[in-house]
mmCIF file of all heavy atoms, coordinates in Angstrom:
data_MODEL
# 
_entry.id   MODEL 
# 
loop_
_atom_site.group_PDB 
_atom_site.id 
_atom_site.type_symbol 
_atom_site.label_atom_id 
_atom_site.label_alt_id 
_atom_site.label_comp_id 
_atom_site.label_asym_id 
_atom_site.label_entity_id 
_atom_site.label_seq_id 
_atom_site.pdbx_PDB_ins_code 
_atom_site.Cartn_x 
_atom_site.Cartn_y 
_atom_site.Cartn_z 
_atom_site.occupancy 
_atom_site.B_iso_or_equiv 
_atom_site.pdbx_formal_charge 
_atom_site.auth_seq_id 
_atom_site.auth_comp_id 
_atom_site.auth_asym_id 
_atom_site.auth_atom_id 
_atom_site.pdbx_PDB_model_num 
ATOM 1   N N   . ARG A 1 1  ? 136.659 123.628 103.149 1.00 0.00 ? 1  ARG A N   1 
ATOM 2   C CA  . ARG A 1 1  ? 135.935 124.859 103.236 1.00 0.00 ? 1  ARG A CA  1 
ATOM 3   C C   . ARG A 1 1  ? 134.688 124.734 104.186 1.00 0.00 ? 1  ARG A C   1 
ATOM 4   O O   . ARG A 1 1  ? 134.403 125.669 105.009 1.00 0.00 ? 1  ARG A O   1 
ATOM 5   C CB  . ARG A 1 1  ? 135.354 125.310 101.856 1.00 0.00 ? 1  ARG A CB  1 
ATOM 6   C CG  . ARG A 1 1  ? 136.483 125.675 100.805 1.00 0.00 ? 1  ARG A CG  1 
ATOM 7   C CD  . ARG A 1 1  ? 135.866 126.123 99.483  1.00 0.00 ? 1  ARG A CD  1 
ATOM 8   N NE  . ARG A 1 1  ? 136.834 125.845 98.403  1.00 0.00 ? 1  ARG A NE  1 
ATOM 9   C CZ  . ARG A 1 1  ? 136.549 126.085 97.165  1.00 0.00 ? 1  ARG A CZ  1 
ATOM 10  N NH1 . ARG A 1 1  ? 135.373 126.599 96.834  1.00 0.00 ? 1  ARG A NH1 1 
ATOM 11  N NH2 . ARG A 1 1  ? 137.361 125.871 96.282  1.00 0.00 ? 1  ARG A NH2 1 
ATOM 12  N N   . ALA A 1 2  ? 134.076 123.668 104.169 1.00 0.00 ? 2  ALA A N   1 
ATOM 13  C CA  . ALA A 1 2  ? 132.845 123.332 104.861 1.00 0.00 ? 2  ALA A CA  1 
ATOM 14  C C   . ALA A 1 2  ? 133.201 123.232 106.324 1.00 0.00 ? 2  ALA A C   1 
ATOM 15  O O   . ALA A 1 2  ? 132.291 123.398 107.208 1.00 0.00 ? 2  ALA A O   1 
ATOM 16  C CB  . ALA A 1 2  ? 132.199 121.991 104.407 1.00 0.00 ? 2  ALA A CB  1 
ATOM 17  N N   . GLN A 1 3  ? 134.403 123.123 106.686 1.00 0.00 ? 3  GLN A N   1 
ATOM 18  C CA  . GLN A 1 3  ? 134.857 122.871 108.015 1.00 0.00 ? 3  GLN A CA  1 
ATOM 19  C C   . GLN A 1 3  ? 135.253 124.176 108.759 1.00 0.00 ? 3  GLN A C   1 
ATOM 20  O O   . GLN A 1 3  ? 135.467 124.227 110.043 1.00 0.00 ? 3  GLN A O   1 
ATOM 21  C CB  . GLN A 1 3  ? 136.096 121.908 108.210 1.00 0.00 ? 3  GLN A CB  1 
ATOM 22  C CG  . GLN A 1 3  ? 135.696 120.505 107.786 1.00 0.00 ? 3  GLN A CG  1 
ATOM 23  C CD  . GLN A 1 3  ? 136.865 119.622 107.627 1.00 0.00 ? 3  GLN A CD  1 
ATOM 24  O OE1 . GLN A 1 3  ? 137.916 119.941 108.241 1.00 0.00 ? 3  GLN A OE1 1 
ATOM 25  N NE2 . GLN A 1 3  ? 136.693 118.417 107.101 1.00 0.00 ? 3  GLN A NE2 1 
ATOM 26  N N   . VAL A 1 4  ? 135.368 125.195 107.982 1.00 0.00 ? 4  VAL A N   1 
ATOM 27  C CA  . VAL A 1 4  ? 135.757 126.562 108.602 1.00 0.00 ? 4  VAL A CA  1 
ATOM 28  C C   . VAL A 1 4  ? 134.655 127.072 109.372 1.00 0.00 ? 4  VAL A C   1 
ATOM 29  O O   . VAL A 1 4  ? 133.448 126.952 109.053 1.00 0.00 ? 4  VAL A O   1 
ATOM 30  C CB  . VAL A 1 4  ? 136.002 127.562 107.383 1.00 0.00 ? 4  VAL A CB  1 
ATOM 31  C CG1 . VAL A 1 4  ? 136.331 128.912 107.992 1.00 0.00 ? 4  VAL A CG1 1 
ATOM 32  C CG2 . VAL A 1 4  ? 137.236 127.163 106.581 1.00 0.00 ? 4  VAL A CG2 1 
ATOM 33  N N   . ASN A 1 5  ? 134.887 127.640 110.645 1.00 0.00 ? 5  ASN A N   1 
ATOM 34  C CA  . ASN A 1 5  ? 133.802 128.185 111.441 1.00 0.00 ? 5  ASN A CA  1 
ATOM 35  C C   . ASN A 1 5  ? 133.771 129.779 111.015 1.00 0.00 ? 5  ASN A C   1 
ATOM 36  O O   . ASN A 1 5  ? 134.480 130.597 111.233 1.00 0.00 ? 5  ASN A O   1 
ATOM 37  C CB  . ASN A 1 5  ? 134.360 128.219 112.836 1.00 0.00 ? 5  ASN A CB  1 
ATOM 38  C CG  . ASN A 1 5  ? 133.241 128.683 113.870 1.00 0.00 ? 5  ASN A CG  1 
ATOM 39  O OD1 . ASN A 1 5  ? 132.367 129.373 113.430 1.00 0.00 ? 5  ASN A OD1 1 
ATOM 40  N ND2 . ASN A 1 5  ? 133.410 128.407 115.176 1.00 0.00 ? 5  ASN A ND2 1 
ATOM 41  N N   . PHE A 1 6  ? 132.516 129.830 110.162 1.00 0.00 ? 6  PHE A N   1 
ATOM 42  C CA  . PHE A 1 6  ? 132.284 131.223 109.719 1.00 0.00 ? 6  PHE A CA  1 
ATOM 43  C C   . PHE A 1 6  ? 131.579 132.183 110.607 1.00 0.00 ? 6  PHE A C   1 
ATOM 44  O O   . PHE A 1 6  ? 131.259 133.257 110.324 1.00 0.00 ? 6  PHE A O   1 
ATOM 45  C CB  . PHE A 1 6  ? 131.554 131.131 108.348 1.00 0.00 ? 6  PHE A CB  1 
ATOM 46  C CG  . PHE A 1 6  ? 132.206 130.530 107.242 1.00 0.00 ? 6  PHE A CG  1 
ATOM 47  C CD1 . PHE A 1 6  ? 132.141 129.072 107.002 1.00 0.00 ? 6  PHE A CD1 1 
ATOM 48  C CD2 . PHE A 1 6  ? 133.029 131.220 106.533 1.00 0.00 ? 6  PHE A CD2 1 
ATOM 49  C CE1 . PHE A 1 6  ? 132.889 128.446 105.994 1.00 0.00 ? 6  PHE A CE1 1 
ATOM 50  C CE2 . PHE A 1 6  ? 133.716 130.679 105.422 1.00 0.00 ? 6  PHE A CE2 1 
ATOM 51  C CZ  . PHE A 1 6  ? 133.697 129.304 105.180 1.00 0.00 ? 6  PHE A CZ  1 
ATOM 52  N N   . ASP A 1 7  ? 131.314 131.655 111.879 1.00 0.00 ? 7  ASP A N   1 
ATOM 53  C CA  . ASP A 1 7  ? 130.748 132.522 112.931 1.00 0.00 ? 7  ASP A CA  1 
ATOM 54  C C   . ASP A 1 7  ? 131.780 133.036 113.873 1.00 0.00 ? 7  ASP A C   1 
ATOM 55  O O   . ASP A 1 7  ? 131.388 133.434 115.030 1.00 0.00 ? 7  ASP A O   1 
ATOM 56  C CB  . ASP A 1 7  ? 129.672 131.610 113.658 1.00 0.00 ? 7  ASP A CB  1 
ATOM 57  C CG  . ASP A 1 7  ? 128.507 131.279 112.672 1.00 0.00 ? 7  ASP A CG  1 
ATOM 58  O OD1 . ASP A 1 7  ? 127.610 132.178 112.516 1.00 0.00 ? 7  ASP A OD1 1 
ATOM 59  O OD2 . ASP A 1 7  ? 128.471 130.304 112.057 1.00 0.00 ? 7  ASP A OD2 1 
ATOM 60  N N   . ARG A 1 8  ? 133.006 132.998 113.551 1.00 0.00 ? 8  ARG A N   1 
ATOM 61  C CA  . ARG A 1 8  ? 134.024 133.626 114.380 1.00 0.00 ? 8  ARG A CA  1 
ATOM 62  C C   . ARG A 1 8  ? 134.590 134.874 113.621 1.00 0.00 ? 8  ARG A C   1 
ATOM 63  O O   . ARG A 1 8  ? 134.628 134.794 112.391 1.00 0.00 ? 8  ARG A O   1 
ATOM 64  C CB  . ARG A 1 8  ? 135.252 132.833 114.701 1.00 0.00 ? 8  ARG A CB  1 
ATOM 65  C CG  . ARG A 1 8  ? 134.706 131.490 115.526 1.00 0.00 ? 8  ARG A CG  1 
ATOM 66  C CD  . ARG A 1 8  ? 135.909 130.583 115.753 1.00 0.00 ? 8  ARG A CD  1 
ATOM 67  N NE  . ARG A 1 8  ? 136.980 131.292 116.533 1.00 0.00 ? 8  ARG A NE  1 
ATOM 68  C CZ  . ARG A 1 8  ? 138.075 130.760 116.774 1.00 0.00 ? 8  ARG A CZ  1 
ATOM 69  N NH1 . ARG A 1 8  ? 138.484 129.610 116.369 1.00 0.00 ? 8  ARG A NH1 1 
ATOM 70  N NH2 . ARG A 1 8  ? 138.972 131.574 117.423 1.00 0.00 ? 8  ARG A NH2 1 
ATOM 71  N N   . PRO A 1 9  ? 134.900 135.968 114.333 1.00 0.00 ? 9  PRO A N   1 
ATOM 72  C CA  . PRO A 1 9  ? 135.223 137.250 113.628 1.00 0.00 ? 9  PRO A CA  1 
ATOM 73  C C   . PRO A 1 9  ? 136.500 137.064 112.713 1.00 0.00 ? 9  PRO A C   1 
ATOM 74  O O   . PRO A 1 9  ? 136.716 137.782 111.708 1.00 0.00 ? 9  PRO A O   1 
ATOM 75  C CB  . PRO A 1 9  ? 135.490 138.181 114.733 1.00 0.00 ? 9  PRO A CB  1 
ATOM 76  C CG  . PRO A 1 9  ? 134.710 137.640 115.828 1.00 0.00 ? 9  PRO A CG  1 
ATOM 77  C CD  . PRO A 1 9  ? 134.688 136.200 115.656 1.00 0.00 ? 9  PRO A CD  1 
ATOM 78  N N   . HIS A 1 10 ? 137.395 136.093 113.022 1.00 0.00 ? 10 HIS A N   1 
ATOM 79  C CA  . HIS A 1 10 ? 138.579 136.022 112.320 1.00 0.00 ? 10 HIS A CA  1 
ATOM 80  C C   . HIS A 1 10 ? 138.331 135.532 110.763 1.00 0.00 ? 10 HIS A C   1 
ATOM 81  O O   . HIS A 1 10 ? 139.208 135.599 109.933 1.00 0.00 ? 10 HIS A O   1 
ATOM 82  C CB  . HIS A 1 10 ? 139.561 135.010 112.896 1.00 0.00 ? 10 HIS A CB  1 
ATOM 83  C CG  . HIS A 1 10 ? 139.228 133.562 112.646 1.00 0.00 ? 10 HIS A CG  1 
ATOM 84  N ND1 . HIS A 1 10 ? 138.374 132.840 113.374 1.00 0.00 ? 10 HIS A ND1 1 
ATOM 85  C CD2 . HIS A 1 10 ? 139.866 132.643 111.659 1.00 0.00 ? 10 HIS A CD2 1 
ATOM 86  C CE1 . HIS A 1 10 ? 138.359 131.535 112.890 1.00 0.00 ? 10 HIS A CE1 1 
ATOM 87  N NE2 . HIS A 1 10 ? 139.206 131.547 111.918 1.00 0.00 ? 10 HIS A NE2 1 
ATOM 88  N N   . ALA A 1 11 ? 137.083 135.099 110.531 1.00 0.00 ? 11 ALA A N   1 
ATOM 89  C CA  . ALA A 1 11 ? 136.745 134.845 109.162 1.00 0.00 ? 11 ALA A CA  1 
ATOM 90  C C   . ALA A 1 11 ? 136.585 135.973 108.195 1.00 0.00 ? 11 ALA A C   1 
ATOM 91  O O   . ALA A 1 11 ? 136.553 135.757 107.012 1.00 0.00 ? 11 ALA A O   1 
ATOM 92  C CB  . ALA A 1 11 ? 135.319 133.926 109.144 1.00 0.00 ? 11 ALA A CB  1 
ATOM 93  N N   . ILE A 1 12 ? 136.612 137.083 108.769 1.00 0.00 ? 12 ILE A N   1 
ATOM 94  C CA  . ILE A 1 12 ? 136.363 138.419 107.970 1.00 0.00 ? 12 ILE A CA  1 
ATOM 95  C C   . ILE A 1 12 ? 137.814 139.004 107.541 1.00 0.00 ? 12 ILE A C   1 
ATOM 96  O O   . ILE A 1 12 ? 138.718 138.881 108.408 1.00 0.00 ? 12 ILE A O   1 
ATOM 97  C CB  . ILE A 1 12 ? 135.612 139.495 108.791 1.00 0.00 ? 12 ILE A CB  1 
ATOM 98  C CG1 . ILE A 1 12 ? 134.243 138.933 109.029 1.00 0.00 ? 12 ILE A CG1 1 
ATOM 99  C CG2 . ILE A 1 12 ? 135.739 140.851 108.123 1.00 0.00 ? 12 ILE A CG2 1 
ATOM 100 C CD1 . ILE A 1 12 ? 133.458 138.860 107.784 1.00 0.00 ? 12 ILE A CD1 1 
ATOM 101 N N   . ASP A 1 13 ? 137.970 139.595 106.492 1.00 0.00 ? 13 ASP A N   1 
ATOM 102 C CA  . ASP A 1 13 ? 139.072 140.287 105.974 1.00 0.00 ? 13 ASP A CA  1 
ATOM 103 C C   . ASP A 1 13 ? 139.042 141.801 106.560 1.00 0.00 ? 13 ASP A C   1 
ATOM 104 O O   . ASP A 1 13 ? 138.485 142.525 105.872 1.00 0.00 ? 13 ASP A O   1 
ATOM 105 C CB  . ASP A 1 13 ? 139.196 140.334 104.437 1.00 0.00 ? 13 ASP A CB  1 
ATOM 106 C CG  . ASP A 1 13 ? 140.346 141.045 103.860 1.00 0.00 ? 13 ASP A CG  1 
ATOM 107 O OD1 . ASP A 1 13 ? 141.074 141.617 104.699 1.00 0.00 ? 13 ASP A OD1 1 
ATOM 108 O OD2 . ASP A 1 13 ? 140.610 140.962 102.657 1.00 0.00 ? 13 ASP A OD2 1 
ATOM 109 N N   . TRP A 1 14 ? 139.477 141.936 107.751 1.00 0.00 ? 14 TRP A N   1 
ATOM 110 C CA  . TRP A 1 14 ? 139.181 143.213 108.467 1.00 0.00 ? 14 TRP A CA  1 
ATOM 111 C C   . TRP A 1 14 ? 139.961 144.359 107.811 1.00 0.00 ? 14 TRP A C   1 
ATOM 112 O O   . TRP A 1 14 ? 139.541 145.383 107.864 1.00 0.00 ? 14 TRP A O   1 
ATOM 113 C CB  . TRP A 1 14 ? 139.518 143.008 109.953 1.00 0.00 ? 14 TRP A CB  1 
ATOM 114 C CG  . TRP A 1 14 ? 138.470 142.217 110.693 1.00 0.00 ? 14 TRP A CG  1 
ATOM 115 C CD1 . TRP A 1 14 ? 138.722 140.890 111.100 1.00 0.00 ? 14 TRP A CD1 1 
ATOM 116 C CD2 . TRP A 1 14 ? 137.137 142.635 110.972 1.00 0.00 ? 14 TRP A CD2 1 
ATOM 117 N NE1 . TRP A 1 14 ? 137.533 140.442 111.687 1.00 0.00 ? 14 TRP A NE1 1 
ATOM 118 C CE2 . TRP A 1 14 ? 136.631 141.422 111.715 1.00 0.00 ? 14 TRP A CE2 1 
ATOM 119 C CE3 . TRP A 1 14 ? 136.412 143.754 110.785 1.00 0.00 ? 14 TRP A CE3 1 
ATOM 120 C CZ2 . TRP A 1 14 ? 135.313 141.457 112.109 1.00 0.00 ? 14 TRP A CZ2 1 
ATOM 121 C CZ3 . TRP A 1 14 ? 135.093 143.766 111.195 1.00 0.00 ? 14 TRP A CZ3 1 
ATOM 122 C CH2 . TRP A 1 14 ? 134.537 142.646 111.769 1.00 0.00 ? 14 TRP A CH2 1 
ATOM 123 N N   . ALA A 1 15 ? 141.112 144.141 107.383 1.00 0.00 ? 15 ALA A N   1 
ATOM 124 C CA  . ALA A 1 15 ? 141.925 145.152 106.741 1.00 0.00 ? 15 ALA A CA  1 
ATOM 125 C C   . ALA A 1 15 ? 141.183 145.663 105.524 1.00 0.00 ? 15 ALA A C   1 
ATOM 126 O O   . ALA A 1 15 ? 141.058 146.967 105.377 1.00 0.00 ? 15 ALA A O   1 
ATOM 127 C CB  . ALA A 1 15 ? 143.346 144.711 106.306 1.00 0.00 ? 15 ALA A CB  1 
ATOM 128 N N   . ARG A 1 16 ? 140.634 144.779 104.773 1.00 0.00 ? 16 ARG A N   1 
ATOM 129 C CA  . ARG A 1 16 ? 139.873 145.374 103.615 1.00 0.00 ? 16 ARG A CA  1 
ATOM 130 C C   . ARG A 1 16 ? 138.647 146.011 103.972 1.00 0.00 ? 16 ARG A C   1 
ATOM 131 O O   . ARG A 1 16 ? 138.172 147.066 103.404 1.00 0.00 ? 16 ARG A O   1 
ATOM 132 C CB  . ARG A 1 16 ? 139.496 144.060 102.722 1.00 0.00 ? 16 ARG A CB  1 
ATOM 133 C CG  . ARG A 1 16 ? 138.774 144.467 101.434 1.00 0.00 ? 16 ARG A CG  1 
ATOM 134 C CD  . ARG A 1 16 ? 139.641 145.149 100.458 1.00 0.00 ? 16 ARG A CD  1 
ATOM 135 N NE  . ARG A 1 16 ? 138.957 145.339 99.153  1.00 0.00 ? 16 ARG A NE  1 
ATOM 136 C CZ  . ARG A 1 16 ? 138.732 144.523 98.196  1.00 0.00 ? 16 ARG A CZ  1 
ATOM 137 N NH1 . ARG A 1 16 ? 139.187 143.188 98.307  1.00 0.00 ? 16 ARG A NH1 1 
ATOM 138 N NH2 . ARG A 1 16 ? 138.143 144.847 97.105  1.00 0.00 ? 16 ARG A NH2 1 
ATOM 139 N N   . ALA A 1 17 ? 137.874 145.443 104.991 1.00 0.00 ? 17 ALA A N   1 
ATOM 140 C CA  . ALA A 1 17 ? 136.689 146.068 105.416 1.00 0.00 ? 17 ALA A CA  1 
ATOM 141 C C   . ALA A 1 17 ? 136.942 147.604 106.006 1.00 0.00 ? 17 ALA A C   1 
ATOM 142 O O   . ALA A 1 17 ? 136.171 148.441 105.694 1.00 0.00 ? 17 ALA A O   1 
ATOM 143 C CB  . ALA A 1 17 ? 135.918 145.231 106.549 1.00 0.00 ? 17 ALA A CB  1 
ATOM 144 N N   . GLU A 1 18 ? 138.019 147.644 106.781 1.00 0.00 ? 18 GLU A N   1 
ATOM 145 C CA  . GLU A 1 18 ? 138.383 148.938 107.295 1.00 0.00 ? 18 GLU A CA  1 
ATOM 146 C C   . GLU A 1 18 ? 138.693 149.976 106.226 1.00 0.00 ? 18 GLU A C   1 
ATOM 147 O O   . GLU A 1 18 ? 138.318 151.126 106.259 1.00 0.00 ? 18 GLU A O   1 
ATOM 148 C CB  . GLU A 1 18 ? 139.516 148.869 108.361 1.00 0.00 ? 18 GLU A CB  1 
ATOM 149 C CG  . GLU A 1 18 ? 139.796 150.184 109.005 1.00 0.00 ? 18 GLU A CG  1 
ATOM 150 C CD  . GLU A 1 18 ? 140.704 150.042 110.177 1.00 0.00 ? 18 GLU A CD  1 
ATOM 151 O OE1 . GLU A 1 18 ? 141.114 148.819 110.556 1.00 0.00 ? 18 GLU A OE1 1 
ATOM 152 O OE2 . GLU A 1 18 ? 141.123 151.024 110.781 1.00 0.00 ? 18 GLU A OE2 1 
ATOM 153 N N   . GLN A 1 19 ? 139.411 149.520 105.253 1.00 0.00 ? 19 GLN A N   1 
ATOM 154 C CA  . GLN A 1 19 ? 139.782 150.427 104.152 1.00 0.00 ? 19 GLN A CA  1 
ATOM 155 C C   . GLN A 1 19 ? 138.592 150.954 103.465 1.00 0.00 ? 19 GLN A C   1 
ATOM 156 O O   . GLN A 1 19 ? 138.493 152.213 103.077 1.00 0.00 ? 19 GLN A O   1 
ATOM 157 C CB  . GLN A 1 19 ? 140.817 149.726 103.142 1.00 0.00 ? 19 GLN A CB  1 
ATOM 158 C CG  . GLN A 1 19 ? 141.252 150.577 102.094 1.00 0.00 ? 19 GLN A CG  1 
ATOM 159 C CD  . GLN A 1 19 ? 141.954 151.919 102.726 1.00 0.00 ? 19 GLN A CD  1 
ATOM 160 O OE1 . GLN A 1 19 ? 142.959 151.752 103.452 1.00 0.00 ? 19 GLN A OE1 1 
ATOM 161 N NE2 . GLN A 1 19 ? 141.495 153.032 102.284 1.00 0.00 ? 19 GLN A NE2 1 
ATOM 162 N N   . VAL A 1 20 ? 137.601 150.061 103.166 1.00 0.00 ? 20 VAL A N   1 
ATOM 163 C CA  . VAL A 1 20 ? 136.368 150.421 102.460 1.00 0.00 ? 20 VAL A CA  1 
ATOM 164 C C   . VAL A 1 20 ? 135.605 151.443 103.265 1.00 0.00 ? 20 VAL A C   1 
ATOM 165 O O   . VAL A 1 20 ? 135.193 152.490 102.768 1.00 0.00 ? 20 VAL A O   1 
ATOM 166 C CB  . VAL A 1 20 ? 135.563 149.236 102.119 1.00 0.00 ? 20 VAL A CB  1 
ATOM 167 C CG1 . VAL A 1 20 ? 134.172 149.687 101.627 1.00 0.00 ? 20 VAL A CG1 1 
ATOM 168 C CG2 . VAL A 1 20 ? 136.182 148.434 100.927 1.00 0.00 ? 20 VAL A CG2 1 
ATOM 169 N N   . LEU A 1 21 ? 135.513 151.236 104.605 1.00 0.00 ? 21 LEU A N   1 
ATOM 170 C CA  . LEU A 1 21 ? 134.858 152.203 105.425 1.00 0.00 ? 21 LEU A CA  1 
ATOM 171 C C   . LEU A 1 21 ? 135.563 153.525 105.531 1.00 0.00 ? 21 LEU A C   1 
ATOM 172 O O   . LEU A 1 21 ? 134.904 154.636 105.586 1.00 0.00 ? 21 LEU A O   1 
ATOM 173 C CB  . LEU A 1 21 ? 134.667 151.603 106.838 1.00 0.00 ? 21 LEU A CB  1 
ATOM 174 C CG  . LEU A 1 21 ? 133.674 150.445 106.983 1.00 0.00 ? 21 LEU A CG  1 
ATOM 175 C CD1 . LEU A 1 21 ? 133.761 149.788 108.363 1.00 0.00 ? 21 LEU A CD1 1 
ATOM 176 C CD2 . LEU A 1 21 ? 132.297 150.852 106.455 1.00 0.00 ? 21 LEU A CD2 1 
ATOM 177 N N   . LEU A 1 22 ? 136.828 153.500 105.508 1.00 0.00 ? 22 LEU A N   1 
ATOM 178 C CA  . LEU A 1 22 ? 137.672 154.747 105.537 1.00 0.00 ? 22 LEU A CA  1 
ATOM 179 C C   . LEU A 1 22 ? 137.462 155.467 104.249 1.00 0.00 ? 22 LEU A C   1 
ATOM 180 O O   . LEU A 1 22 ? 137.202 156.786 104.165 1.00 0.00 ? 22 LEU A O   1 
ATOM 181 C CB  . LEU A 1 22 ? 139.102 154.513 105.776 1.00 0.00 ? 22 LEU A CB  1 
ATOM 182 C CG  . LEU A 1 22 ? 139.495 154.075 107.178 1.00 0.00 ? 22 LEU A CG  1 
ATOM 183 C CD1 . LEU A 1 22 ? 140.963 153.603 107.135 1.00 0.00 ? 22 LEU A CD1 1 
ATOM 184 C CD2 . LEU A 1 22 ? 139.370 155.323 108.087 1.00 0.00 ? 22 LEU A CD2 1 
ATOM 185 N N   . ASP A 1 23 ? 137.347 154.770 103.152 1.00 0.00 ? 23 ASP A N   1 
ATOM 186 C CA  . ASP A 1 23 ? 137.042 155.381 101.833 1.00 0.00 ? 23 ASP A CA  1 
ATOM 187 C C   . ASP A 1 23 ? 135.675 155.996 101.860 1.00 0.00 ? 23 ASP A C   1 
ATOM 188 O O   . ASP A 1 23 ? 135.379 157.123 101.363 1.00 0.00 ? 23 ASP A O   1 
ATOM 189 C CB  . ASP A 1 23 ? 137.065 154.338 100.702 1.00 0.00 ? 23 ASP A CB  1 
ATOM 190 C CG  . ASP A 1 23 ? 138.548 153.907 100.330 1.00 0.00 ? 23 ASP A CG  1 
ATOM 191 O OD1 . ASP A 1 23 ? 139.447 154.667 100.709 1.00 0.00 ? 23 ASP A OD1 1 
ATOM 192 O OD2 . ASP A 1 23 ? 138.627 152.886 99.790  1.00 0.00 ? 23 ASP A OD2 1 
ATOM 193 N N   . CYS A 1 24 ? 134.690 155.252 102.461 1.00 0.00 ? 24 CYS A N   1 
ATOM 194 C CA  . CYS A 1 24 ? 133.288 155.904 102.635 1.00 0.00 ? 24 CYS A CA  1 
ATOM 195 C C   . CYS A 1 24 ? 133.378 157.144 103.384 1.00 0.00 ? 24 CYS A C   1 
ATOM 196 O O   . CYS A 1 24 ? 132.691 158.154 102.916 1.00 0.00 ? 24 CYS A O   1 
ATOM 197 C CB  . CYS A 1 24 ? 132.441 154.874 103.249 1.00 0.00 ? 24 CYS A CB  1 
ATOM 198 S SG  . CYS A 1 24 ? 131.932 153.469 102.306 1.00 0.00 ? 24 CYS A SG  1 
ATOM 199 N N   . ARG A 1 25 ? 133.968 157.275 104.498 1.00 0.00 ? 25 ARG A N   1 
ATOM 200 C CA  . ARG A 1 25 ? 134.071 158.420 105.334 1.00 0.00 ? 25 ARG A CA  1 
ATOM 201 C C   . ARG A 1 25 ? 134.621 159.620 104.535 1.00 0.00 ? 25 ARG A C   1 
ATOM 202 O O   . ARG A 1 25 ? 134.199 160.698 104.731 1.00 0.00 ? 25 ARG A O   1 
ATOM 203 C CB  . ARG A 1 25 ? 134.843 158.195 106.534 1.00 0.00 ? 25 ARG A CB  1 
ATOM 204 C CG  . ARG A 1 25 ? 134.046 157.405 107.647 1.00 0.00 ? 25 ARG A CG  1 
ATOM 205 C CD  . ARG A 1 25 ? 134.335 157.766 109.094 1.00 0.00 ? 25 ARG A CD  1 
ATOM 206 N NE  . ARG A 1 25 ? 133.937 159.179 109.279 1.00 0.00 ? 25 ARG A NE  1 
ATOM 207 C CZ  . ARG A 1 25 ? 132.737 159.386 109.811 1.00 0.00 ? 25 ARG A CZ  1 
ATOM 208 N NH1 . ARG A 1 25 ? 131.754 158.600 110.099 1.00 0.00 ? 25 ARG A NH1 1 
ATOM 209 N NH2 . ARG A 1 25 ? 132.410 160.720 110.072 1.00 0.00 ? 25 ARG A NH2 1 
# 
């Protein structure tokens, strides 16, 4: 876990984030 690069966008669960934003809208 400590070796993961958390400063690259692929570290994010984008599908989940987009669904939450769509729910918000």
